Amino acid sequence: MRRQLAGIELVAGREPAVAPARTPGLFLNLRSKLHGISLDRALAEGADPESTPLLARRAAWLTSSRNRHSLANCVGRLIEMSGERRGRSAVVRPHRGELAGAKLPLVRVAALLDTQEPVYCHGVARIQLLLTDATSPLYAPVRAGQLRAEAEDILDAMEEREETW
């Protein structure tokens, strides 16, 4: 018993071979990567990651083991290079004085990122922006001690600690 439907031949008892539909998750992942900086800024400023599927996807990626390990390695390399002098380069270099002053909180941030302990996406978004934004206190501090204060705030945000008055 055979019949034809929209150019696809069907045999009784078998489903037609149809290409699987693209999952919305694939497009969500792509959009999350394309809009990464703006999503990171929103999360760093305290946006609820569950308010939209896009923010939720970005928050999940930020706090994934793979990304956390990568960020921890980046912070670790920054700490190692804090005492190095380098020649000319087109690469934006971290502010050496600020980096030296923020060594202890940055070591703590890297250690927390490299554990399996749960962390809040707000803090991870802030460390992501600190490392990738050339106008951040890591590269272009406005005042002395700004990087240390930012690193301490990032650590508090990752652990969801707030000042109480």
N, C-alpha and C. Protein backbone atom coordinates (compact mmCIF):
# COMPACT_ATOMS: atom_id res chain seq x y z
N MET A 1 0.85 -1.16 0.00
CA MET A 1 0.00 0.00 0.00
C MET A 1 0.90 1.24 0.00
N ARG A 2 0.82 1.97 -1.07
CA ARG A 2 1.65 3.15 -1.20
C ARG A 2 0.78 4.35 -1.51
N ARG A 3 1.22 5.48 -1.01
CA ARG A 3 0.57 6.73 -1.37
C ARG A 3 1.63 7.82 -1.43
N GLN A 4 1.33 8.87 -2.06
CA GLN A 4 2.30 9.92 -2.22
C GLN A 4 1.77 11.19 -1.56
N LEU A 5 2.66 11.86 -0.80
CA LEU A 5 2.29 13.08 -0.09
C LEU A 5 3.37 14.12 -0.32
N ALA A 6 3.03 15.17 -0.98
CA ALA A 6 3.94 16.29 -1.22
C ALA A 6 5.28 15.82 -1.79
N GLY A 7 5.26 14.91 -2.73
CA GLY A 7 6.49 14.49 -3.36
C GLY A 7 7.30 13.48 -2.57
N ILE A 8 6.81 13.06 -1.39
CA ILE A 8 7.51 12.07 -0.58
C ILE A 8 6.71 10.79 -0.63
N GLU A 9 7.34 9.71 -1.04
CA GLU A 9 6.63 8.45 -1.13
C GLU A 9 6.55 7.82 0.25
N LEU A 10 5.38 7.46 0.69
CA LEU A 10 5.18 6.85 1.99
C LEU A 10 4.85 5.38 1.82
N VAL A 11 5.42 4.57 2.65
CA VAL A 11 5.12 3.15 2.69
C VAL A 11 4.35 2.92 3.97
N ALA A 12 3.28 2.15 3.89
CA ALA A 12 2.44 1.93 5.06
C ALA A 12 3.29 1.43 6.23
N GLY A 13 3.09 2.05 7.37
CA GLY A 13 3.78 1.63 8.59
C GLY A 13 5.11 2.31 8.82
N ARG A 14 5.58 3.11 7.90
CA ARG A 14 6.85 3.81 8.08
C ARG A 14 6.63 5.31 7.97
N GLU A 15 7.35 6.04 8.78
CA GLU A 15 7.29 7.50 8.70
C GLU A 15 8.21 7.97 7.59
N PRO A 16 7.89 9.08 6.96
CA PRO A 16 8.77 9.60 5.92
C PRO A 16 10.10 10.06 6.51
N ALA A 17 11.14 9.96 5.73
CA ALA A 17 12.44 10.46 6.18
C ALA A 17 12.44 11.97 6.01
N VAL A 18 12.34 12.65 7.11
CA VAL A 18 12.29 14.10 7.07
C VAL A 18 13.51 14.61 7.83
N ALA A 19 14.14 15.62 7.28
CA ALA A 19 15.30 16.22 7.96
C ALA A 19 14.83 16.77 9.30
N PRO A 20 15.62 16.57 10.37
CA PRO A 20 15.21 17.10 11.67
C PRO A 20 15.14 18.62 11.64
N ALA A 21 14.14 19.14 12.28
CA ALA A 21 13.99 20.59 12.35
C ALA A 21 15.12 21.18 13.16
N ARG A 22 15.54 22.36 12.78
CA ARG A 22 16.59 23.04 13.54
C ARG A 22 16.03 23.42 14.90
N THR A 23 16.84 23.19 15.89
CA THR A 23 16.38 23.48 17.23
C THR A 23 16.52 24.96 17.53
N PRO A 24 15.60 25.51 18.29
CA PRO A 24 15.71 26.92 18.64
C PRO A 24 16.96 27.19 19.48
N GLY A 25 17.47 26.16 20.15
CA GLY A 25 18.67 26.32 20.96
C GLY A 25 19.88 26.72 20.14
N LEU A 26 19.97 26.23 18.93
CA LEU A 26 21.09 26.57 18.06
C LEU A 26 21.09 28.06 17.76
N PHE A 27 19.93 28.60 17.43
CA PHE A 27 19.84 30.03 17.14
C PHE A 27 20.04 30.86 18.41
N LEU A 28 19.57 30.35 19.52
CA LEU A 28 19.76 31.04 20.80
C LEU A 28 21.24 31.11 21.15
N ASN A 29 21.96 30.02 20.92
CA ASN A 29 23.41 30.01 21.16
C ASN A 29 24.12 31.03 20.28
N LEU A 30 23.75 31.06 19.03
CA LEU A 30 24.37 32.00 18.09
C LEU A 30 24.09 33.44 18.50
N ARG A 31 22.85 33.73 18.82
CA ARG A 31 22.50 35.09 19.26
C ARG A 31 23.21 35.46 20.55
N SER A 32 23.35 34.49 21.44
CA SER A 32 24.04 34.72 22.71
C SER A 32 25.49 35.11 22.47
N LYS A 33 26.13 34.49 21.49
CA LYS A 33 27.52 34.81 21.19
C LYS A 33 27.63 36.15 20.46
N LEU A 34 26.72 36.39 19.52
CA LEU A 34 26.76 37.64 18.75
C LEU A 34 26.53 38.86 19.63
N HIS A 35 25.67 38.73 20.62
CA HIS A 35 25.33 39.85 21.50
C HIS A 35 26.02 39.72 22.85
N GLY A 36 27.12 38.98 22.89
CA GLY A 36 27.80 38.67 24.15
C GLY A 36 28.14 39.87 25.00
N ILE A 37 28.72 40.89 24.42
CA ILE A 37 29.16 42.05 25.20
C ILE A 37 27.98 42.76 25.84
N SER A 38 26.93 42.98 25.07
CA SER A 38 25.77 43.69 25.64
C SER A 38 25.07 42.82 26.69
N LEU A 39 25.02 41.51 26.46
CA LEU A 39 24.43 40.62 27.47
C LEU A 39 25.28 40.58 28.73
N ASP A 40 26.61 40.55 28.55
CA ASP A 40 27.50 40.56 29.70
C ASP A 40 27.33 41.84 30.51
N ARG A 41 27.19 42.95 29.82
CA ARG A 41 26.98 44.23 30.53
C ARG A 41 25.68 44.21 31.31
N ALA A 42 24.64 43.70 30.69
CA ALA A 42 23.34 43.64 31.38
C ALA A 42 23.44 42.74 32.62
N LEU A 43 24.07 41.59 32.49
CA LEU A 43 24.22 40.69 33.63
C LEU A 43 25.12 41.29 34.70
N ALA A 44 26.19 41.95 34.28
CA ALA A 44 27.10 42.59 35.24
C ALA A 44 26.39 43.69 36.03
N GLU A 45 25.42 44.33 35.41
CA GLU A 45 24.68 45.40 36.08
C GLU A 45 23.52 44.86 36.91
N GLY A 46 23.35 43.54 36.94
CA GLY A 46 22.36 42.95 37.82
C GLY A 46 21.08 42.47 37.17
N ALA A 47 21.05 42.41 35.84
CA ALA A 47 19.84 41.91 35.17
C ALA A 47 19.56 40.47 35.60
N ASP A 48 18.29 40.15 35.74
CA ASP A 48 17.89 38.80 36.12
C ASP A 48 18.15 37.86 34.94
N PRO A 49 19.00 36.86 35.12
CA PRO A 49 19.31 35.96 34.00
C PRO A 49 18.11 35.15 33.54
N GLU A 50 17.09 35.03 34.35
CA GLU A 50 15.91 34.26 33.96
C GLU A 50 14.84 35.12 33.29
N SER A 51 15.14 36.40 33.11
CA SER A 51 14.13 37.29 32.53
C SER A 51 13.92 37.05 31.05
N THR A 52 14.94 36.57 30.34
CA THR A 52 14.79 36.23 28.92
C THR A 52 15.59 34.96 28.64
N PRO A 53 15.19 34.21 27.64
CA PRO A 53 15.95 33.02 27.27
C PRO A 53 17.38 33.36 26.83
N LEU A 54 17.56 34.51 26.21
CA LEU A 54 18.88 34.93 25.75
C LEU A 54 19.82 35.19 26.92
N LEU A 55 19.33 35.92 27.93
CA LEU A 55 20.14 36.16 29.13
C LEU A 55 20.42 34.85 29.87
N ALA A 56 19.44 33.97 29.91
CA ALA A 56 19.63 32.68 30.58
C ALA A 56 20.71 31.87 29.89
N ARG A 57 20.69 31.88 28.57
CA ARG A 57 21.70 31.12 27.81
C ARG A 57 23.09 31.71 28.04
N ARG A 58 23.19 33.03 28.03
CA ARG A 58 24.50 33.68 28.24
C ARG A 58 25.00 33.41 29.64
N ALA A 59 24.13 33.48 30.62
CA ALA A 59 24.51 33.21 32.01
C ALA A 59 24.99 31.77 32.16
N ALA A 60 24.31 30.84 31.49
CA ALA A 60 24.73 29.43 31.55
C ALA A 60 26.10 29.25 30.93
N TRP A 61 26.36 29.94 29.84
CA TRP A 61 27.68 29.83 29.20
C TRP A 61 28.76 30.47 30.09
N LEU A 62 28.46 31.64 30.63
CA LEU A 62 29.45 32.32 31.49
C LEU A 62 29.86 31.46 32.67
N THR A 63 28.90 30.77 33.27
CA THR A 63 29.19 30.00 34.49
C THR A 63 29.53 28.54 34.19
N SER A 64 29.66 28.19 32.92
CA SER A 64 30.02 26.81 32.58
C SER A 64 31.44 26.51 33.06
N SER A 65 31.72 25.27 33.33
CA SER A 65 33.05 24.85 33.80
C SER A 65 34.12 25.25 32.81
N ARG A 66 33.84 25.08 31.55
CA ARG A 66 34.83 25.38 30.51
C ARG A 66 35.18 26.87 30.50
N ASN A 67 34.17 27.74 30.52
CA ASN A 67 34.44 29.17 30.51
C ASN A 67 35.11 29.62 31.81
N ARG A 68 34.65 29.09 32.93
CA ARG A 68 35.26 29.45 34.22
C ARG A 68 36.74 29.08 34.24
N HIS A 69 37.07 27.90 33.74
CA HIS A 69 38.46 27.47 33.70
C HIS A 69 39.28 28.38 32.78
N SER A 70 38.71 28.75 31.66
CA SER A 70 39.39 29.65 30.73
C SER A 70 39.64 31.02 31.36
N LEU A 71 38.63 31.56 32.04
CA LEU A 71 38.80 32.85 32.73
C LEU A 71 39.85 32.76 33.83
N ALA A 72 39.83 31.67 34.58
CA ALA A 72 40.82 31.47 35.65
C ALA A 72 42.23 31.45 35.07
N ASN A 73 42.41 30.78 33.93
CA ASN A 73 43.72 30.76 33.27
C ASN A 73 44.15 32.14 32.82
N CYS A 74 43.21 32.92 32.28
CA CYS A 74 43.52 34.29 31.84
C CYS A 74 43.97 35.15 33.02
N VAL A 75 43.24 35.05 34.11
CA VAL A 75 43.60 35.82 35.30
C VAL A 75 44.96 35.36 35.82
N GLY A 76 45.19 34.06 35.82
CA GLY A 76 46.48 33.53 36.26
C GLY A 76 47.63 34.04 35.42
N ARG A 77 47.45 34.09 34.11
CA ARG A 77 48.50 34.62 33.22
C ARG A 77 48.74 36.10 33.48
N LEU A 78 47.66 36.83 33.76
CA LEU A 78 47.82 38.26 34.08
C LEU A 78 48.68 38.44 35.33
N ILE A 79 48.41 37.63 36.33
CA ILE A 79 49.16 37.74 37.59
C ILE A 79 50.62 37.40 37.35
N GLU A 80 50.88 36.36 36.55
CA GLU A 80 52.26 35.98 36.25
C GLU A 80 53.00 37.07 35.51
N MET A 81 52.33 37.75 34.60
CA MET A 81 53.01 38.77 33.81
C MET A 81 53.05 40.14 34.49
N SER A 82 52.53 40.24 35.70
CA SER A 82 52.48 41.55 36.36
C SER A 82 53.87 42.13 36.59
N GLY A 83 54.87 41.30 36.75
CA GLY A 83 56.22 41.81 36.98
C GLY A 83 57.08 41.88 35.74
N GLU A 84 56.59 41.35 34.63
CA GLU A 84 57.37 41.32 33.40
C GLU A 84 57.37 42.66 32.70
N ARG A 85 58.50 42.95 32.09
CA ARG A 85 58.58 44.12 31.21
C ARG A 85 58.59 43.60 29.79
N ARG A 86 57.82 44.22 28.96
CA ARG A 86 57.74 43.79 27.57
C ARG A 86 58.05 44.95 26.65
N GLY A 87 58.50 44.61 25.47
CA GLY A 87 58.81 45.61 24.46
C GLY A 87 57.55 46.14 23.81
N ARG A 88 57.74 46.79 22.70
CA ARG A 88 56.61 47.36 21.96
C ARG A 88 55.71 46.27 21.42
N SER A 89 54.43 46.57 21.42
CA SER A 89 53.45 45.63 20.91
C SER A 89 52.15 46.36 20.63
N ALA A 90 51.38 45.79 19.72
CA ALA A 90 50.07 46.36 19.40
C ALA A 90 49.02 45.91 20.40
N VAL A 91 49.37 44.96 21.26
CA VAL A 91 48.45 44.43 22.25
C VAL A 91 48.25 45.44 23.37
N VAL A 92 47.01 45.61 23.81
CA VAL A 92 46.74 46.49 24.94
C VAL A 92 47.26 45.79 26.19
N ARG A 93 48.18 46.42 26.87
CA ARG A 93 48.79 45.83 28.06
C ARG A 93 48.05 46.26 29.32
N PRO A 94 47.97 45.35 30.29
CA PRO A 94 47.37 45.74 31.57
C PRO A 94 48.23 46.80 32.26
N HIS A 95 47.60 47.60 33.07
CA HIS A 95 48.30 48.62 33.85
C HIS A 95 49.11 47.91 34.93
N ARG A 96 50.42 47.96 34.84
CA ARG A 96 51.29 47.18 35.74
C ARG A 96 51.12 47.57 37.20
N GLY A 97 51.03 48.86 37.50
CA GLY A 97 50.88 49.29 38.88
C GLY A 97 49.57 48.82 39.50
N GLU A 98 48.50 48.93 38.74
CA GLU A 98 47.20 48.47 39.22
C GLU A 98 47.18 46.95 39.38
N LEU A 99 47.79 46.26 38.45
CA LEU A 99 47.83 44.80 38.49
C LEU A 99 48.59 44.31 39.72
N ALA A 100 49.69 44.97 40.04
CA ALA A 100 50.46 44.59 41.22
C ALA A 100 49.66 44.82 42.50
N GLY A 101 48.90 45.91 42.54
CA GLY A 101 48.11 46.23 43.72
C GLY A 101 46.89 45.34 43.90
N ALA A 102 46.46 44.71 42.82
CA ALA A 102 45.24 43.88 42.88
C ALA A 102 45.56 42.39 42.85
N LYS A 103 46.80 42.04 43.07
CA LYS A 103 47.22 40.64 42.93
C LYS A 103 46.44 39.69 43.85
N LEU A 104 46.31 40.02 45.12
CA LEU A 104 45.64 39.12 46.06
C LEU A 104 44.17 38.88 45.72
N PRO A 105 43.35 39.91 45.49
CA PRO A 105 41.95 39.61 45.14
C PRO A 105 41.83 38.89 43.79
N LEU A 106 42.74 39.16 42.85
CA LEU A 106 42.69 38.47 41.57
C LEU A 106 43.04 36.99 41.72
N VAL A 107 43.99 36.69 42.61
CA VAL A 107 44.31 35.28 42.88
C VAL A 107 43.08 34.59 43.46
N ARG A 108 42.37 35.24 44.34
CA ARG A 108 41.16 34.66 44.94
C ARG A 108 40.06 34.48 43.89
N VAL A 109 39.92 35.43 42.97
CA VAL A 109 38.93 35.31 41.89
C VAL A 109 39.27 34.10 41.03
N ALA A 110 40.54 33.98 40.63
CA ALA A 110 40.96 32.84 39.79
C ALA A 110 40.73 31.51 40.51
N ALA A 111 41.03 31.48 41.79
CA ALA A 111 40.84 30.24 42.55
C ALA A 111 39.36 29.86 42.62
N LEU A 112 38.50 30.82 42.84
CA LEU A 112 37.06 30.54 42.90
C LEU A 112 36.53 30.08 41.54
N LEU A 113 37.01 30.72 40.48
CA LEU A 113 36.58 30.32 39.14
C LEU A 113 36.99 28.89 38.82
N ASP A 114 38.14 28.48 39.33
CA ASP A 114 38.68 27.17 39.00
C ASP A 114 38.18 26.05 39.91
N THR A 115 37.19 26.33 40.74
CA THR A 115 36.60 25.28 41.57
C THR A 115 35.25 24.88 40.99
N GLN A 116 34.64 23.88 41.60
CA GLN A 116 33.30 23.47 41.19
C GLN A 116 32.23 24.16 42.03
N GLU A 117 32.64 25.06 42.91
CA GLU A 117 31.68 25.80 43.73
C GLU A 117 30.77 26.63 42.84
N PRO A 118 29.49 26.70 43.15
CA PRO A 118 28.60 27.54 42.33
C PRO A 118 28.96 29.02 42.50
N VAL A 119 28.87 29.74 41.41
CA VAL A 119 29.12 31.18 41.43
C VAL A 119 27.97 31.88 40.72
N TYR A 120 27.77 33.13 41.03
CA TYR A 120 26.71 33.91 40.41
C TYR A 120 27.21 34.54 39.12
N CYS A 121 26.34 34.54 38.13
CA CYS A 121 26.72 35.01 36.81
C CYS A 121 27.05 36.50 36.80
N HIS A 122 26.52 37.27 37.74
CA HIS A 122 26.80 38.71 37.77
C HIS A 122 28.30 38.95 37.93
N GLY A 123 28.92 38.21 38.82
CA GLY A 123 30.36 38.36 39.03
C GLY A 123 31.18 37.83 37.88
N VAL A 124 30.75 36.72 37.31
CA VAL A 124 31.49 36.15 36.18
C VAL A 124 31.39 37.08 34.97
N ALA A 125 30.24 37.70 34.76
CA ALA A 125 30.10 38.67 33.67
C ALA A 125 31.03 39.85 33.90
N ARG A 126 31.19 40.25 35.14
CA ARG A 126 32.08 41.38 35.43
C ARG A 126 33.54 41.03 35.17
N ILE A 127 33.96 39.82 35.51
CA ILE A 127 35.35 39.45 35.22
C ILE A 127 35.55 39.30 33.72
N GLN A 128 34.54 38.79 33.01
CA GLN A 128 34.61 38.69 31.55
C GLN A 128 34.82 40.08 30.94
N LEU A 129 34.06 41.06 31.39
CA LEU A 129 34.19 42.42 30.88
C LEU A 129 35.52 43.04 31.30
N LEU A 130 35.96 42.78 32.50
CA LEU A 130 37.23 43.32 32.97
C LEU A 130 38.37 42.87 32.05
N LEU A 131 38.32 41.62 31.64
CA LEU A 131 39.39 41.07 30.80
C LEU A 131 39.28 41.48 29.34
N THR A 132 38.09 41.74 28.85
CA THR A 132 37.91 41.98 27.42
C THR A 132 37.67 43.43 27.02
N ASP A 133 37.36 44.29 27.97
CA ASP A 133 37.07 45.69 27.66
C ASP A 133 38.34 46.53 27.89
N ALA A 134 38.84 47.13 26.82
CA ALA A 134 40.07 47.92 26.91
C ALA A 134 39.92 49.18 27.76
N THR A 135 38.69 49.55 28.11
CA THR A 135 38.49 50.73 28.96
C THR A 135 38.29 50.33 30.43
N SER A 136 38.44 49.05 30.74
CA SER A 136 38.23 48.59 32.11
C SER A 136 39.40 49.02 33.00
N PRO A 137 39.22 48.94 34.32
CA PRO A 137 40.29 49.33 35.24
C PRO A 137 41.57 48.49 35.09
N LEU A 138 41.48 47.34 34.45
CA LEU A 138 42.66 46.52 34.21
C LEU A 138 43.61 47.21 33.23
N TYR A 139 43.05 47.88 32.25
CA TYR A 139 43.87 48.51 31.21
C TYR A 139 43.94 50.02 31.32
N ALA A 140 42.87 50.65 31.75
CA ALA A 140 42.81 52.11 31.78
C ALA A 140 42.14 52.59 33.07
N PRO A 141 42.81 52.42 34.21
CA PRO A 141 42.19 52.87 35.47
C PRO A 141 42.07 54.39 35.51
N VAL A 142 41.00 54.84 36.14
CA VAL A 142 40.75 56.27 36.27
C VAL A 142 41.43 56.81 37.52
N ARG A 143 41.52 55.96 38.55
CA ARG A 143 42.14 56.38 39.81
C ARG A 143 42.97 55.23 40.37
N ALA A 144 43.87 55.56 41.24
CA ALA A 144 44.72 54.54 41.87
C ALA A 144 43.88 53.60 42.73
N GLY A 145 44.16 52.33 42.65
CA GLY A 145 43.45 51.35 43.45
C GLY A 145 42.13 50.88 42.86
N GLN A 146 41.79 51.37 41.68
CA GLN A 146 40.50 51.03 41.07
C GLN A 146 40.42 49.55 40.71
N LEU A 147 41.50 48.96 40.21
CA LEU A 147 41.48 47.55 39.84
C LEU A 147 41.30 46.66 41.07
N ARG A 148 41.98 47.00 42.16
CA ARG A 148 41.83 46.21 43.38
C ARG A 148 40.38 46.25 43.88
N ALA A 149 39.79 47.44 43.89
CA ALA A 149 38.40 47.58 44.33
C ALA A 149 37.47 46.80 43.42
N GLU A 150 37.72 46.84 42.11
CA GLU A 150 36.87 46.11 41.16
C GLU A 150 37.02 44.60 41.36
N ALA A 151 38.23 44.13 41.58
CA ALA A 151 38.45 42.69 41.80
C ALA A 151 37.75 42.22 43.08
N GLU A 152 37.79 43.04 44.12
CA GLU A 152 37.10 42.68 45.36
C GLU A 152 35.58 42.68 45.16
N ASP A 153 35.07 43.65 44.39
CA ASP A 153 33.63 43.69 44.08
C ASP A 153 33.22 42.48 43.24
N ILE A 154 34.07 42.08 42.32
CA ILE A 154 33.79 40.91 41.48
C ILE A 154 33.72 39.66 42.34
N LEU A 155 34.65 39.53 43.26
CA LEU A 155 34.64 38.37 44.16
C LEU A 155 33.35 38.34 44.98
N ASP A 156 32.96 39.50 45.51
CA ASP A 156 31.70 39.58 46.26
C ASP A 156 30.50 39.22 45.39
N ALA A 157 30.50 39.71 44.13
CA ALA A 157 29.38 39.44 43.23
C ALA A 157 29.31 37.96 42.86
N MET A 158 30.46 37.32 42.69
CA MET A 158 30.46 35.89 42.36
C MET A 158 29.91 35.06 43.51
N GLU A 159 30.13 35.54 44.74
CA GLU A 159 29.64 34.83 45.92
C GLU A 159 28.31 35.40 46.42
N GLU A 160 27.81 36.43 45.72
CA GLU A 160 26.56 37.10 46.05
C GLU A 160 26.57 37.66 47.47
N ARG A 161 27.67 38.32 47.80
CA ARG A 161 27.75 39.02 49.08
C ARG A 161 27.51 40.49 48.84
N GLU A 162 26.74 41.09 49.70
CA GLU A 162 26.45 42.50 49.58
C GLU A 162 26.75 43.17 50.91
N GLU A 163 27.10 44.45 50.81
CA GLU A 163 27.31 45.21 52.04
C GLU A 163 25.98 45.46 52.71
N THR A 164 25.97 45.35 54.02
CA THR A 164 24.75 45.68 54.76
C THR A 164 25.06 46.87 55.66
N TRP A 165 24.18 47.80 55.67
CA TRP A 165 24.39 49.01 56.48
C TRP A 165 23.44 49.00 57.63
